[in-house]
Amino acid sequence: MKKIAIGIQDFKKLITDNYYYIDKTKIIYNLLISNNYYFLSRPRRFGKS
């Protein structure tokens, strides 16, 4: 059974340790070419430590 990759930054580790990989490149591209404004929020205390 494949595992969900949380916090793994190494593509080689994703593949060799049998994690799910979801490519979001097309979603980001569609956001950029749509000529609309998007509010991308983050958790309240994200990156504060």
N, C-alpha and C. Protein backbone atom coordinates (compact mmCIF):
# COMPACT_ATOMS: atom_id res chain seq x y z
N MET A 1 0.84 -1.18 0.00
CA MET A 1 0.00 0.00 0.00
C MET A 1 0.88 1.24 0.00
N LYS A 2 0.55 2.21 -0.85
CA LYS A 2 1.32 3.44 -0.92
C LYS A 2 1.02 4.34 0.26
N LYS A 3 2.04 5.11 0.64
CA LYS A 3 1.91 6.04 1.76
C LYS A 3 1.70 7.45 1.22
N ILE A 4 1.14 8.31 2.05
CA ILE A 4 0.97 9.72 1.70
C ILE A 4 2.22 10.46 2.15
N ALA A 5 2.81 11.21 1.24
CA ALA A 5 4.04 11.94 1.54
C ALA A 5 3.70 13.27 2.20
N ILE A 6 4.10 13.42 3.45
CA ILE A 6 3.89 14.67 4.18
C ILE A 6 5.26 15.18 4.61
N GLY A 7 5.65 16.32 4.08
CA GLY A 7 6.92 16.94 4.46
C GLY A 7 8.13 16.36 3.79
N ILE A 8 7.98 15.53 2.78
CA ILE A 8 9.12 14.94 2.08
C ILE A 8 9.45 15.81 0.88
N GLN A 9 10.69 16.28 0.80
CA GLN A 9 11.11 17.19 -0.25
C GLN A 9 11.94 16.50 -1.33
N ASP A 10 12.31 15.27 -1.12
CA ASP A 10 13.22 14.56 -2.02
C ASP A 10 12.42 13.66 -2.98
N PHE A 11 12.47 13.97 -4.29
CA PHE A 11 11.71 13.21 -5.27
C PHE A 11 12.17 11.75 -5.32
N LYS A 12 13.48 11.52 -5.18
CA LYS A 12 14.00 10.15 -5.20
C LYS A 12 13.42 9.33 -4.05
N LYS A 13 13.31 9.93 -2.87
CA LYS A 13 12.73 9.23 -1.71
C LYS A 13 11.26 8.92 -1.95
N LEU A 14 10.54 9.85 -2.59
CA LEU A 14 9.13 9.60 -2.91
C LEU A 14 8.97 8.34 -3.76
N ILE A 15 9.82 8.19 -4.76
CA ILE A 15 9.71 7.07 -5.68
C ILE A 15 10.21 5.77 -5.04
N THR A 16 11.38 5.81 -4.41
CA THR A 16 11.97 4.58 -3.87
C THR A 16 11.22 4.04 -2.65
N ASP A 17 10.60 4.92 -1.87
CA ASP A 17 9.88 4.47 -0.67
C ASP A 17 8.38 4.29 -0.91
N ASN A 18 7.96 4.34 -2.18
CA ASN A 18 6.60 4.02 -2.58
C ASN A 18 5.55 4.97 -2.00
N TYR A 19 5.78 6.28 -2.17
CA TYR A 19 4.82 7.29 -1.75
C TYR A 19 3.97 7.72 -2.94
N TYR A 20 2.80 8.30 -2.67
CA TYR A 20 2.00 8.92 -3.71
C TYR A 20 2.69 10.21 -4.13
N TYR A 21 2.61 10.52 -5.41
CA TYR A 21 3.11 11.80 -5.93
C TYR A 21 2.03 12.42 -6.80
N ILE A 22 1.67 13.66 -6.51
CA ILE A 22 0.64 14.37 -7.28
C ILE A 22 1.29 15.59 -7.92
N ASP A 23 1.30 15.62 -9.23
CA ASP A 23 1.89 16.73 -9.97
C ASP A 23 0.84 17.84 -10.12
N LYS A 24 1.12 19.01 -9.54
CA LYS A 24 0.18 20.13 -9.57
C LYS A 24 0.60 21.21 -10.55
N THR A 25 1.51 20.88 -11.45
CA THR A 25 2.03 21.86 -12.40
C THR A 25 0.92 22.46 -13.25
N LYS A 26 0.02 21.64 -13.74
CA LYS A 26 -1.05 22.15 -14.61
C LYS A 26 -2.00 23.07 -13.85
N ILE A 27 -2.26 22.76 -12.59
CA ILE A 27 -3.13 23.62 -11.77
C ILE A 27 -2.50 25.00 -11.60
N ILE A 28 -1.21 25.04 -11.29
CA ILE A 28 -0.51 26.31 -11.12
C ILE A 28 -0.49 27.09 -12.43
N TYR A 29 -0.24 26.40 -13.53
CA TYR A 29 -0.24 27.06 -14.84
C TYR A 29 -1.60 27.68 -15.14
N ASN A 30 -2.67 26.93 -14.86
CA ASN A 30 -4.02 27.45 -15.11
C ASN A 30 -4.32 28.67 -14.23
N LEU A 31 -3.83 28.69 -13.01
CA LEU A 31 -4.00 29.86 -12.14
C LEU A 31 -3.30 31.08 -12.74
N LEU A 32 -2.12 30.87 -13.29
CA LEU A 32 -1.33 31.98 -13.82
C LEU A 32 -1.93 32.57 -15.10
N ILE A 33 -2.49 31.74 -15.96
CA ILE A 33 -2.98 32.25 -17.24
C ILE A 33 -4.44 32.67 -17.20
N SER A 34 -5.13 32.50 -16.10
CA SER A 34 -6.57 32.77 -16.04
C SER A 34 -6.92 34.25 -15.93
N ASN A 35 -5.95 35.12 -15.61
CA ASN A 35 -6.19 36.56 -15.45
C ASN A 35 -7.22 36.87 -14.37
N ASN A 36 -7.30 36.06 -13.35
CA ASN A 36 -8.15 36.32 -12.19
C ASN A 36 -7.28 36.49 -10.96
N TYR A 37 -7.87 37.04 -9.91
CA TYR A 37 -7.16 37.18 -8.64
C TYR A 37 -7.54 36.02 -7.73
N TYR A 38 -6.55 35.46 -7.05
CA TYR A 38 -6.79 34.36 -6.11
C TYR A 38 -6.13 34.69 -4.79
N PHE A 39 -6.84 34.41 -3.71
CA PHE A 39 -6.29 34.58 -2.38
C PHE A 39 -5.84 33.20 -1.89
N LEU A 40 -4.54 33.02 -1.76
CA LEU A 40 -3.99 31.76 -1.29
C LEU A 40 -3.59 31.94 0.17
N SER A 41 -4.40 31.43 1.07
CA SER A 41 -4.15 31.62 2.49
C SER A 41 -3.19 30.56 3.01
N ARG A 42 -2.70 30.79 4.22
CA ARG A 42 -1.81 29.84 4.89
C ARG A 42 -2.26 29.72 6.34
N PRO A 43 -1.85 28.67 7.02
CA PRO A 43 -2.20 28.54 8.44
C PRO A 43 -1.69 29.75 9.25
N ARG A 44 -2.36 30.06 10.33
CA ARG A 44 -2.03 31.26 11.12
C ARG A 44 -0.59 31.31 11.55
N ARG A 45 -0.06 30.23 12.09
CA ARG A 45 1.29 30.26 12.66
C ARG A 45 2.30 29.58 11.74
N PHE A 46 2.04 29.52 10.47
CA PHE A 46 2.92 28.86 9.52
C PHE A 46 4.23 29.62 9.37
N GLY A 47 5.34 28.97 9.60
CA GLY A 47 6.65 29.58 9.39
C GLY A 47 7.07 30.57 10.44
N LYS A 48 6.50 30.52 11.64
CA LYS A 48 6.83 31.51 12.67
C LYS A 48 7.96 31.03 13.59
N SER A 49 8.36 29.79 13.49
CA SER A 49 9.41 29.31 14.41
C SER A 49 10.79 29.46 13.83
